[in-house]
PDB file of N, CA and C in Angstrom:
ATOM      1  N   MET A   1       0.838  -1.165   0.000  1.00  0.00           N
ATOM      2  CA  MET A   1       0.000   0.000   0.000  1.00  0.00           C
ATOM      3  C   MET A   1       0.882   1.227   0.000  1.00  0.00           C
ATOM      4  N   GLN A   2       0.605   2.149  -0.886  1.00  0.00           N
ATOM      5  CA  GLN A   2       1.329   3.407  -0.920  1.00  0.00           C
ATOM      6  C   GLN A   2       0.341   4.552  -0.774  1.00  0.00           C
ATOM      7  N   LEU A   3       0.792   5.623  -0.172  1.00  0.00           N
ATOM      8  CA  LEU A   3      -0.011   6.831  -0.046  1.00  0.00           C
ATOM      9  C   LEU A   3       0.611   7.901  -0.923  1.00  0.00           C
ATOM     10  N   GLY A   4      -0.224   8.690  -1.579  1.00  0.00           N
ATOM     11  CA  GLY A   4       0.324   9.731  -2.424  1.00  0.00           C
ATOM     12  C   GLY A   4      -0.742  10.570  -3.079  1.00  0.00           C
ATOM     13  N   VAL A   5      -0.301  11.412  -4.000  1.00  0.00           N
ATOM     14  CA  VAL A   5      -1.189  12.307  -4.732  1.00  0.00           C
ATOM     15  C   VAL A   5      -0.894  12.188  -6.222  1.00  0.00           C
ATOM     16  N   ARG A   6      -1.930  12.489  -7.030  1.00  0.00           N
ATOM     17  CA  ARG A   6      -1.770  12.462  -8.487  1.00  0.00           C
ATOM     18  C   ARG A   6      -2.705  13.497  -9.101  1.00  0.00           C
ATOM     19  N   PRO A   7      -2.388  14.790  -8.964  1.00  0.00           N
ATOM     20  CA  PRO A   7      -3.230  15.815  -9.580  1.00  0.00           C
ATOM     21  C   PRO A   7      -3.061  15.815 -11.103  1.00  0.00           C
ATOM     22  N   VAL A   8      -4.157  16.110 -11.821  1.00  0.00           N
ATOM     23  CA  VAL A   8      -4.156  16.154 -13.283  1.00  0.00           C
ATOM     24  C   VAL A   8      -4.653  17.526 -13.729  1.00  0.00           C
ATOM     25  N   THR A   9      -3.926  18.155 -14.671  1.00  0.00           N
ATOM     26  CA  THR A   9      -4.357  19.442 -15.208  1.00  0.00           C
ATOM     27  C   THR A   9      -5.434  19.216 -16.265  1.00  0.00           C
ATOM     28  N   PRO A  10      -6.193  20.247 -16.627  1.00  0.00           N
ATOM     29  CA  PRO A  10      -7.197  20.100 -17.695  1.00  0.00           C
ATOM     30  C   PRO A  10      -6.595  19.670 -19.035  1.00  0.00           C
ATOM     31  N   SER A  11      -5.334  20.000 -19.279  1.00  0.00           N
ATOM     32  CA  SER A  11      -4.699  19.605 -20.539  1.00  0.00           C
ATOM     33  C   SER A  11      -4.188  18.160 -20.505  1.00  0.00           C
ATOM     34  N   GLY A  12      -4.292  17.485 -19.353  1.00  0.00           N
ATOM     35  CA  GLY A  12      -3.911  16.084 -19.266  1.00  0.00           C
ATOM     36  C   GLY A  12      -2.557  15.810 -18.638  1.00  0.00           C
ATOM     37  N   TRP A  13      -1.781  16.833 -18.345  1.00  0.00           N
ATOM     38  CA  TRP A  13      -0.497  16.621 -17.666  1.00  0.00           C
ATOM     39  C   TRP A  13      -0.746  16.256 -16.218  1.00  0.00           C
ATOM     40  N   PHE A  14       0.075  15.366 -15.678  1.00  0.00           N
ATOM     41  CA  PHE A  14      -0.059  15.006 -14.273  1.00  0.00           C
ATOM     42  C   PHE A  14       1.318  14.797 -13.647  1.00  0.00           C
ATOM     43  N   ALA A  15       1.331  14.900 -12.355  1.00  0.00           N
ATOM     44  CA  ALA A  15       2.513  14.577 -11.557  1.00  0.00           C
ATOM     45  C   ALA A  15       2.021  13.697 -10.422  1.00  0.00           C
ATOM     46  N   LYS A  16       2.837  12.715 -10.042  1.00  0.00           N
ATOM     47  CA  LYS A  16       2.429  11.872  -8.920  1.00  0.00           C
ATOM     48  C   LYS A  16       3.617  11.636  -8.010  1.00  0.00           C
ATOM     49  N   ALA A  17       3.318  11.520  -6.731  1.00  0.00           N
ATOM     50  CA  ALA A  17       4.326  11.247  -5.717  1.00  0.00           C
ATOM     51  C   ALA A  17       3.720  10.274  -4.716  1.00  0.00           C
ATOM     52  N   PHE A  18       4.426   9.183  -4.455  1.00  0.00           N
ATOM     53  CA  PHE A  18       3.922   8.146  -3.561  1.00  0.00           C
ATOM     54  C   PHE A  18       5.016   7.680  -2.616  1.00  0.00           C
ATOM     55  N   PHE A  19       4.606   7.240  -1.431  1.00  0.00           N
ATOM     56  CA  PHE A  19       5.503   6.658  -0.435  1.00  0.00           C
ATOM     57  C   PHE A  19       4.747   5.549   0.268  1.00  0.00           C
ATOM     58  N   GLY A  20       5.438   4.452   0.556  1.00  0.00           N
ATOM     59  CA  GLY A  20       4.779   3.400   1.306  1.00  0.00           C
ATOM     60  C   GLY A  20       5.661   2.204   1.561  1.00  0.00           C
ATOM     61  N   PRO A  21       5.157   1.272   2.356  1.00  0.00           N
ATOM     62  CA  PRO A  21       5.907   0.057   2.657  1.00  0.00           C
ATOM     63  C   PRO A  21       5.939  -0.876   1.448  1.00  0.00           C
ATOM     64  N   ALA A  22       6.962  -1.711   1.410  1.00  0.00           N
ATOM     65  CA  ALA A  22       7.112  -2.707   0.347  1.00  0.00           C
ATOM     66  C   ALA A  22       7.784  -3.926   0.956  1.00  0.00           C
ATOM     67  N   ALA A  23       7.841  -4.993   0.191  1.00  0.00           N
ATOM     68  CA  ALA A  23       8.515  -6.214   0.641  1.00  0.00           C
ATOM     69  C   ALA A  23       9.203  -6.850  -0.558  1.00  0.00           C
ATOM     70  N   ILE A  24      10.353  -7.455  -0.294  1.00  0.00           N
ATOM     71  CA  ILE A  24      11.055  -8.199  -1.335  1.00  0.00           C
ATOM     72  C   ILE A  24      11.204  -9.644  -0.868  1.00  0.00           C
ATOM     73  N   THR A  25      11.385 -10.540  -1.803  1.00  0.00           N
ATOM     74  CA  THR A  25      11.480 -11.951  -1.438  1.00  0.00           C
ATOM     75  C   THR A  25      12.906 -12.417  -1.198  1.00  0.00           C
ATOM     76  N   SER A  26      13.890 -11.726  -1.769  1.00  0.00           N
ATOM     77  CA  SER A  26      15.283 -12.173  -1.649  1.00  0.00           C
ATOM     78  C   SER A  26      16.203 -11.019  -1.283  1.00  0.00           C
ATOM     79  N   PRO A  27      16.424 -10.749   0.009  1.00  0.00           N
ATOM     80  CA  PRO A  27      17.370  -9.703   0.389  1.00  0.00           C
ATOM     81  C   PRO A  27      18.757  -9.985  -0.194  1.00  0.00           C
ATOM     82  N   ASP A  28      19.491  -8.927  -0.513  1.00  0.00           N
ATOM     83  CA  ASP A  28      20.835  -9.076  -1.068  1.00  0.00           C
ATOM     84  C   ASP A  28      21.764  -8.030  -0.453  1.00  0.00           C
ATOM     85  N   SER A  29      22.900  -7.787  -1.061  1.00  0.00           N
ATOM     86  CA  SER A  29      23.881  -6.856  -0.495  1.00  0.00           C
ATOM     87  C   SER A  29      23.463  -5.400  -0.642  1.00  0.00           C
ATOM     88  N   VAL A  30      22.436  -5.115  -1.430  1.00  0.00           N
ATOM     89  CA  VAL A  30      21.965  -3.747  -1.603  1.00  0.00           C
ATOM     90  C   VAL A  30      20.686  -3.502  -0.803  1.00  0.00           C
ATOM     91  N   LEU A  31      19.767  -4.446  -0.857  1.00  0.00           N
ATOM     92  CA  LEU A  31      18.525  -4.377  -0.088  1.00  0.00           C
ATOM     93  C   LEU A  31      18.597  -5.486   0.958  1.00  0.00           C
ATOM     94  N   GLY A  32      18.999  -5.134   2.177  1.00  0.00           N
ATOM     95  CA  GLY A  32      19.392  -6.129   3.151  1.00  0.00           C
ATOM     96  C   GLY A  32      18.305  -6.726   4.024  1.00  0.00           C
ATOM     97  N   SER A  33      17.041  -6.468   3.734  1.00  0.00           N
ATOM     98  CA  SER A  33      15.972  -7.050   4.546  1.00  0.00           C
ATOM     99  C   SER A  33      14.716  -7.222   3.698  1.00  0.00           C
ATOM    100  N   ILE A  34      13.793  -8.035   4.183  1.00  0.00           N
ATOM    101  CA  ILE A  34      12.533  -8.230   3.459  1.00  0.00           C
ATOM    102  C   ILE A  34      11.668  -6.974   3.511  1.00  0.00           C
ATOM    103  N   PRO A  35      11.464  -6.344   4.690  1.00  0.00           N
ATOM    104  CA  PRO A  35      10.684  -5.099   4.724  1.00  0.00           C
ATOM    105  C   PRO A  35      11.482  -3.963   4.071  1.00  0.00           C
ATOM    106  N   GLN A  36      10.825  -3.196   3.236  1.00  0.00           N
ATOM    107  CA  GLN A  36      11.433  -2.067   2.544  1.00  0.00           C
ATOM    108  C   GLN A  36      10.449  -0.897   2.533  1.00  0.00           C
ATOM    109  N   PHE A  37      10.942   0.251   2.102  1.00  0.00           N
ATOM    110  CA  PHE A  37      10.105   1.414   1.849  1.00  0.00           C
ATOM    111  C   PHE A  37      10.347   1.847   0.411  1.00  0.00           C
ATOM    112  N   SER A  38       9.301   2.295  -0.243  1.00  0.00           N
ATOM    113  CA  SER A  38       9.397   2.698  -1.634  1.00  0.00           C
ATOM    114  C   SER A  38       8.895   4.131  -1.778  1.00  0.00           C
ATOM    115  N   THR A  39       9.649   4.942  -2.502  1.00  0.00           N
ATOM    116  CA  THR A  39       9.267   6.315  -2.814  1.00  0.00           C
ATOM    117  C   THR A  39       9.353   6.482  -4.316  1.00  0.00           C
ATOM    118  N   ASP A  40       8.299   7.010  -4.933  1.00  0.00           N
ATOM    119  CA  ASP A  40       8.410   7.271  -6.361  1.00  0.00           C
ATOM    120  C   ASP A  40       7.715   8.566  -6.750  1.00  0.00           C
ATOM    121  N   ILE A  41       8.294   9.231  -7.762  1.00  0.00           N
ATOM    122  CA  ILE A  41       7.740  10.453  -8.321  1.00  0.00           C
ATOM    123  C   ILE A  41       7.751  10.313  -9.842  1.00  0.00           C
ATOM    124  N   SER A  42       6.714  10.834 -10.485  1.00  0.00           N
ATOM    125  CA  SER A  42       6.601  10.735 -11.942  1.00  0.00           C
ATOM    126  C   SER A  42       5.871  11.951 -12.494  1.00  0.00           C
ATOM    127  N   ILE A  43       6.121  12.229 -13.771  1.00  0.00           N
ATOM    128  CA  ILE A  43       5.336  13.205 -14.514  1.00  0.00           C
ATOM    129  C   ILE A  43       4.847  12.512 -15.774  1.00  0.00           C
ATOM    130  N   GLY A  44       3.691  12.941 -16.278  1.00  0.00           N
ATOM    131  CA  GLY A  44       3.178  12.285 -17.462  1.00  0.00           C
ATOM    132  C   GLY A  44       2.057  13.047 -18.115  1.00  0.00           C
ATOM    133  N   LEU A  45       1.507  12.429 -19.141  1.00  0.00           N
ATOM    134  CA  LEU A  45       0.423  12.999 -19.923  1.00  0.00           C
ATOM    135  C   LEU A  45      -0.620  11.911 -20.155  1.00  0.00           C
ATOM    136  N   GLN A  46      -1.907  12.284 -20.019  1.00  0.00           N
ATOM    137  CA  GLN A  46      -2.972  11.311 -20.228  1.00  0.00           C
ATOM    138  C   GLN A  46      -4.121  11.937 -21.000  1.00  0.00           C
ATOM    139  N   ASP A  47      -4.880  11.084 -21.690  1.00  0.00           N
ATOM    140  CA  ASP A  47      -6.160  11.490 -22.256  1.00  0.00           C
ATOM    141  C   ASP A  47      -7.221  10.609 -21.613  1.00  0.00           C
ATOM    142  N   ASN A  48      -8.376  10.477 -22.227  1.00  0.00           N
ATOM    143  CA  ASN A  48      -9.453   9.689 -21.608  1.00  0.00           C
ATOM    144  C   ASN A  48      -9.126   8.219 -21.460  1.00  0.00           C
ATOM    145  N   TYR A  49      -8.248   7.679 -22.309  1.00  0.00           N
ATOM    146  CA  TYR A  49      -8.002   6.235 -22.302  1.00  0.00           C
ATOM    147  C   TYR A  49      -6.546   5.823 -22.135  1.00  0.00           C
ATOM    148  N   ASN A  50      -5.612   6.691 -22.447  1.00  0.00           N
ATOM    149  CA  ASN A  50      -4.202   6.314 -22.477  1.00  0.00           C
ATOM    150  C   ASN A  50      -3.374   7.251 -21.613  1.00  0.00           C
ATOM    151  N   ALA A  51      -2.202   6.769 -21.204  1.00  0.00           N
ATOM    152  CA  ALA A  51      -1.303   7.604 -20.412  1.00  0.00           C
ATOM    153  C   ALA A  51       0.136   7.156 -20.653  1.00  0.00           C
ATOM    154  N   VAL A  52       1.046   8.099 -20.528  1.00  0.00           N
ATOM    155  CA  VAL A  52       2.469   7.799 -20.587  1.00  0.00           C
ATOM    156  C   VAL A  52       3.151   8.664 -19.528  1.00  0.00           C
ATOM    157  N   SER A  53       4.116   8.089 -18.821  1.00  0.00           N
ATOM    158  CA  SER A  53       4.810   8.858 -17.787  1.00  0.00           C
ATOM    159  C   SER A  53       6.261   8.409 -17.653  1.00  0.00           C
ATOM    160  N   PHE A  54       7.058   9.263 -17.054  1.00  0.00           N
ATOM    161  CA  PHE A  54       8.469   9.009 -16.784  1.00  0.00           C
ATOM    162  C   PHE A  54       8.709   9.360 -15.329  1.00  0.00           C
ATOM    163  N   GLY A  55       9.433   8.500 -14.606  1.00  0.00           N
ATOM    164  CA  GLY A  55       9.617   8.767 -13.192  1.00  0.00           C
ATOM    165  C   GLY A  55      10.861   8.140 -12.599  1.00  0.00           C
ATOM    166  N   TYR A  56      10.972   8.306 -11.296  1.00  0.00           N
ATOM    167  CA  TYR A  56      12.103   7.832 -10.503  1.00  0.00           C
ATOM    168  C   TYR A  56      11.544   7.125  -9.277  1.00  0.00           C
ATOM    169  N   MET A  57      12.155   5.993  -8.894  1.00  0.00           N
ATOM    170  CA  MET A  57      11.752   5.268  -7.691  1.00  0.00           C
ATOM    171  C   MET A  57      12.996   4.899  -6.882  1.00  0.00           C
ATOM    172  N   HIS A  58      12.890   5.035  -5.574  1.00  0.00           N
ATOM    173  CA  HIS A  58      13.959   4.607  -4.665  1.00  0.00           C
ATOM    174  C   HIS A  58      13.362   3.616  -3.679  1.00  0.00           C
ATOM    175  N   MET A  59      14.081   2.524  -3.452  1.00  0.00           N
ATOM    176  CA  MET A  59      13.646   1.517  -2.486  1.00  0.00           C
ATOM    177  C   MET A  59      14.793   1.240  -1.526  1.00  0.00           C
ATOM    178  N   SER A  60      14.500   1.268  -0.231  1.00  0.00           N
ATOM    179  CA  SER A  60      15.494   0.922   0.785  1.00  0.00           C
ATOM    180  C   SER A  60      14.771   0.558   2.073  1.00  0.00           C
ATOM    181  N   ASN A  61      15.536   0.074   3.051  1.00  0.00           N
ATOM    182  CA  ASN A  61      14.922  -0.262   4.337  1.00  0.00           C
ATOM    183  C   ASN A  61      15.105   0.861   5.357  1.00  0.00           C
ATOM    184  N   ALA A  62      15.617   1.996   4.916  1.00  0.00           N
ATOM    185  CA  ALA A  62      15.788   3.189   5.752  1.00  0.00           C
ATOM    186  C   ALA A  62      16.696   2.937   6.956  1.00  0.00           C
ATOM    187  N   GLY A  63      17.493   1.879   6.921  1.00  0.00           N
ATOM    188  CA  GLY A  63      18.402   1.572   8.015  1.00  0.00           C
ATOM    189  C   GLY A  63      17.721   1.032   9.253  1.00  0.00           C
ATOM    190  N   ILE A  64      16.428   0.754   9.175  1.00  0.00           N
ATOM    191  CA  ILE A  64      15.670   0.305  10.342  1.00  0.00           C
ATOM    192  C   ILE A  64      15.849  -1.185  10.589  1.00  0.00           C
ATOM    193  N   PHE A  65      15.837  -1.983   9.525  1.00  0.00           N
ATOM    194  CA  PHE A  65      15.812  -3.432   9.670  1.00  0.00           C
ATOM    195  C   PHE A  65      17.159  -4.099   9.499  1.00  0.00           C
ATOM    196  N   SER A  66      18.151  -3.375   8.992  1.00  0.00           N
ATOM    197  CA  SER A  66      19.442  -3.978   8.726  1.00  0.00           C
ATOM    198  C   SER A  66      20.472  -2.871   8.529  1.00  0.00           C
ATOM    199  N   ASN A  67      21.719  -3.157   8.860  1.00  0.00           N
ATOM    200  CA  ASN A  67      22.789  -2.194   8.604  1.00  0.00           C
ATOM    201  C   ASN A  67      23.126  -2.118   7.119  1.00  0.00           C
ATOM    202  N   ILE A  68      22.729  -3.135   6.363  1.00  0.00           N
ATOM    203  CA  ILE A  68      22.930  -3.123   4.919  1.00  0.00           C
ATOM    204  C   ILE A  68      21.815  -2.289   4.320  1.00  0.00           C
ATOM    205  N   ASN A  69      22.141  -1.095   3.850  1.00  0.00           N
ATOM    206  CA  ASN A  69      21.084  -0.192   3.398  1.00  0.00           C
ATOM    207  C   ASN A  69      21.574   0.720   2.289  1.00  0.00           C
ATOM    208  N   LYS A  70      22.125   0.161   1.251  1.00  0.00           N
ATOM    209  CA  LYS A  70      22.532   0.993   0.120  1.00  0.00           C
ATOM    210  C   LYS A  70      21.317   1.492  -0.647  1.00  0.00           C
ATOM    211  N   GLY A  71      20.264   0.715  -0.697  1.00  0.00           N
ATOM    212  CA  GLY A  71      19.074   1.085  -1.449  1.00  0.00           C
ATOM    213  C   GLY A  71      19.269   0.835  -2.930  1.00  0.00           C
ATOM    214  N   ARG A  72      18.201   0.954  -3.655  1.00  0.00           N
ATOM    215  CA  ARG A  72      18.244   0.736  -5.099  1.00  0.00           C
ATOM    216  C   ARG A  72      17.397   1.814  -5.765  1.00  0.00           C
ATOM    217  N   ASP A  73      17.892   2.366  -6.873  1.00  0.00           N
ATOM    218  CA  ASP A  73      17.209   3.414  -7.608  1.00  0.00           C
ATOM    219  C   ASP A  73      16.782   2.892  -8.975  1.00  0.00           C
ATOM    220  N   TYR A  74      15.619   3.362  -9.430  1.00  0.00           N
ATOM    221  CA  TYR A  74      15.065   2.924 -10.709  1.00  0.00           C
ATOM    222  C   TYR A  74      14.576   4.132 -11.495  1.00  0.00           C
ATOM    223  N   LEU A  75      14.729   4.086 -12.808  1.00  0.00           N
ATOM    224  CA  LEU A  75      14.047   5.014 -13.700  1.00  0.00           C
ATOM    225  C   LEU A  75      12.859   4.264 -14.272  1.00  0.00           C
ATOM    226  N   LEU A  76      11.701   4.913 -14.286  1.00  0.00           N
ATOM    227  CA  LEU A  76      10.459   4.257 -14.675  1.00  0.00           C
ATOM    228  C   LEU A  76       9.892   4.879 -15.945  1.00  0.00           C
ATOM    229  N   ILE A  77       9.446   4.040 -16.858  1.00  0.00           N
ATOM    230  CA  ILE A  77       8.662   4.480 -18.010  1.00  0.00           C
ATOM    231  C   ILE A  77       7.365   3.676 -17.959  1.00  0.00           C
ATOM    232  N   GLU A  78       6.258   4.385 -17.920  1.00  0.00           N
ATOM    233  CA  GLU A  78       4.957   3.730 -17.809  1.00  0.00           C
ATOM    234  C   GLU A  78       4.098   4.106 -19.010  1.00  0.00           C
ATOM    235  N   VAL A  79       3.524   3.122 -19.637  1.00  0.00           N
ATOM    236  CA  VAL A  79       2.616   3.325 -20.767  1.00  0.00           C
ATOM    237  C   VAL A  79       1.338   2.543 -20.469  1.00  0.00           C
ATOM    238  N   ALA A  80       0.207   3.215 -20.525  1.00  0.00           N
ATOM    239  CA  ALA A  80      -1.079   2.569 -20.228  1.00  0.00           C
ATOM    240  C   ALA A  80      -2.036   2.809 -21.391  1.00  0.00           C
ATOM    241  N   PHE A  81      -2.702   1.744 -21.816  1.00  0.00           N
ATOM    242  CA  PHE A  81      -3.669   1.825 -22.895  1.00  0.00           C
ATOM    243  C   PHE A  81      -5.039   1.437 -22.380  1.00  0.00           C
ATOM    244  N   GLY A  82      -6.055   2.225 -22.707  1.00  0.00           N
ATOM    245  CA  GLY A  82      -7.422   1.901 -22.310  1.00  0.00           C
ATOM    246  C   GLY A  82      -8.008   0.814 -23.186  1.00  0.00           C
ATOM    247  N   MET A  83      -8.941   0.102 -22.653  1.00  0.00           N
ATOM    248  CA  MET A  83      -9.579  -0.981 -23.415  1.00  0.00           C
ATOM    249  C   MET A  83     -11.027  -0.614 -23.692  1.00  0.00           C
TER     250      MET A  83
END
């Protein structure tokens, strides 16, 4: 579950920001525990049926569950088509 906002302008541009808990199945040397936190921000454009966005996501355990806490960063491209 993540909490966040996603306002949309009348022209279809949007920005979203979310934060929430996450879990992974295989801790490693970068993500050192099963419980994690995820933060992501994106900007995009949508019409009535389709959307495209570009964003950034960071996942880490915030140093709470393990001393291994390098975290992992992702660049996101999202494309959604209406049916």
